[in-house]
Structures are given as C-alpha cells and as structure tokens.
Amino acid sequence: MVTLMVIGLLWVVTTYLFNGLYPLPYFAKHHATDWLFNGNLYIGFLIMMSGFLGLLRWK
C-alpha cells in the first residue's frame, strides 16, 4: 500500500515538473481549456488515496 502512495506521489511530481504533459499527454492535448486539463493530477491523487485506504484496511 505504501507503494501505491509513492507511485501516486511520483505521478503528481512528474505532472508538475512537465506542466501536465507527462505521464499521460492526452489530458494536456485534448482538454486544454476545460477541467480535465488536470487529469494527471486527479489520477495521481486517486492512486495515493487508494494506497491510503488500503493502509486503513477498509473492507
């Protein structure tokens, strides 16, 4: 679960370093003017939250 949190953190850091063009350039190219432009951030935070929920052992 900690692995998911670290992967999510790396995803978000990569997104900030490359201005949203990486790791998935789809969001920056196809959604430049709407709320999905930050899709990479949403994915990164979802990965981190799944790791956090796994740490809590919710069933």
C-alpha atoms as a PDB file:
ATOM      1  CA  MET A   1       0.000   0.000   0.000  1.00  0.00           C
ATOM      2  CA  VAL A   2       2.875   2.322   0.671  1.00  0.00           C
ATOM      3  CA  THR A   3       3.996   1.513  -2.861  1.00  0.00           C
ATOM      4  CA  LEU A   4       0.743   2.934  -4.224  1.00  0.00           C
ATOM      5  CA  MET A   5       1.218   6.087  -2.206  1.00  0.00           C
ATOM      6  CA  VAL A   6       4.771   6.534  -3.513  1.00  0.00           C
ATOM      7  CA  ILE A   7       3.680   5.859  -7.110  1.00  0.00           C
ATOM      8  CA  GLY A   8       0.915   8.441  -6.729  1.00  0.00           C
ATOM      9  CA  LEU A   9       3.363  10.963  -5.320  1.00  0.00           C
ATOM     10  CA  LEU A  10       5.785  10.387  -8.201  1.00  0.00           C
ATOM     11  CA  TRP A  11       2.873  10.744 -10.638  1.00  0.00           C
ATOM     12  CA  VAL A  12       1.920  14.135  -9.192  1.00  0.00           C
ATOM     13  CA  VAL A  13       5.527  15.367  -9.056  1.00  0.00           C
ATOM     14  CA  THR A  14       6.070  14.314 -12.689  1.00  0.00           C
ATOM     15  CA  THR A  15       2.896  16.121 -13.694  1.00  0.00           C
ATOM     16  CA  TYR A  16       4.065  19.341 -12.033  1.00  0.00           C
ATOM     17  CA  LEU A  17       7.588  19.132 -13.452  1.00  0.00           C
ATOM     18  CA  PHE A  18       6.377  18.721 -17.037  1.00  0.00           C
ATOM     19  CA  ASN A  19       3.363  21.084 -16.811  1.00  0.00           C
ATOM     20  CA  GLY A  20       0.824  18.310 -17.284  1.00  0.00           C
ATOM     21  CA  LEU A  21       2.359  16.825 -20.434  1.00  0.00           C
ATOM     22  CA  TYR A  22       3.586  13.657 -18.713  1.00  0.00           C
ATOM     23  CA  PRO A  23       2.882  10.861 -17.692  1.00  0.00           C
ATOM     24  CA  LEU A  24      -0.265  10.969 -19.877  1.00  0.00           C
ATOM     25  CA  PRO A  25      -0.132  13.703 -22.531  1.00  0.00           C
ATOM     26  CA  TYR A  26      -3.772  13.038 -23.516  1.00  0.00           C
ATOM     27  CA  PHE A  27      -5.202  15.454 -20.952  1.00  0.00           C
ATOM     28  CA  ALA A  28      -2.995  18.392 -21.936  1.00  0.00           C
ATOM     29  CA  LYS A  29      -3.554  17.879 -25.662  1.00  0.00           C
ATOM     30  CA  HIS A  30      -7.291  17.189 -25.768  1.00  0.00           C
ATOM     31  CA  HIS A  31      -8.581  19.096 -22.736  1.00  0.00           C
ATOM     32  CA  ALA A  32      -6.517  22.284 -22.761  1.00  0.00           C
ATOM     33  CA  THR A  33      -9.456  24.540 -21.893  1.00  0.00           C
ATOM     34  CA  ASP A  34     -11.617  22.518 -19.521  1.00  0.00           C
ATOM     35  CA  TRP A  35     -11.428  20.936 -16.089  1.00  0.00           C
ATOM     36  CA  LEU A  36      -9.886  17.697 -17.394  1.00  0.00           C
ATOM     37  CA  PHE A  37      -6.637  19.522 -18.134  1.00  0.00           C
ATOM     38  CA  ASN A  38      -5.596  18.483 -14.615  1.00  0.00           C
ATOM     39  CA  GLY A  39      -6.471  14.844 -15.280  1.00  0.00           C
ATOM     40  CA  ASN A  40      -2.948  13.686 -14.451  1.00  0.00           C
ATOM     41  CA  LEU A  41      -3.265  15.249 -11.008  1.00  0.00           C
ATOM     42  CA  TYR A  42      -6.615  13.553 -10.472  1.00  0.00           C
ATOM     43  CA  ILE A  43      -5.125  10.175 -11.384  1.00  0.00           C
ATOM     44  CA  GLY A  44      -2.134  10.713  -9.091  1.00  0.00           C
ATOM     45  CA  PHE A  45      -4.312  11.637  -6.147  1.00  0.00           C
ATOM     46  CA  LEU A  46      -6.609   8.660  -6.799  1.00  0.00           C
ATOM     47  CA  ILE A  47      -3.602   6.341  -6.707  1.00  0.00           C
ATOM     48  CA  MET A  48      -2.449   7.918  -3.434  1.00  0.00           C
ATOM     49  CA  MET A  49      -5.928   7.671  -1.908  1.00  0.00           C
ATOM     50  CA  SER A  50      -6.228   4.005  -2.855  1.00  0.00           C
ATOM     51  CA  GLY A  51      -2.950   3.367  -1.041  1.00  0.00           C
ATOM     52  CA  PHE A  52      -4.163   5.295   1.989  1.00  0.00           C
ATOM     53  CA  LEU A  53      -7.456   3.400   2.094  1.00  0.00           C
ATOM     54  CA  GLY A  54      -5.538   0.149   1.822  1.00  0.00           C
ATOM     55  CA  LEU A  55      -3.492   1.158   4.849  1.00  0.00           C
ATOM     56  CA  LEU A  56      -6.689   1.617   6.816  1.00  0.00           C
ATOM     57  CA  ARG A  57      -7.748  -1.917   5.794  1.00  0.00           C
ATOM     58  CA  TRP A  58     -11.298  -0.956   4.926  1.00  0.00           C
ATOM     59  CA  LYS A  59     -13.379  -3.862   3.706  1.00  0.00           C
END
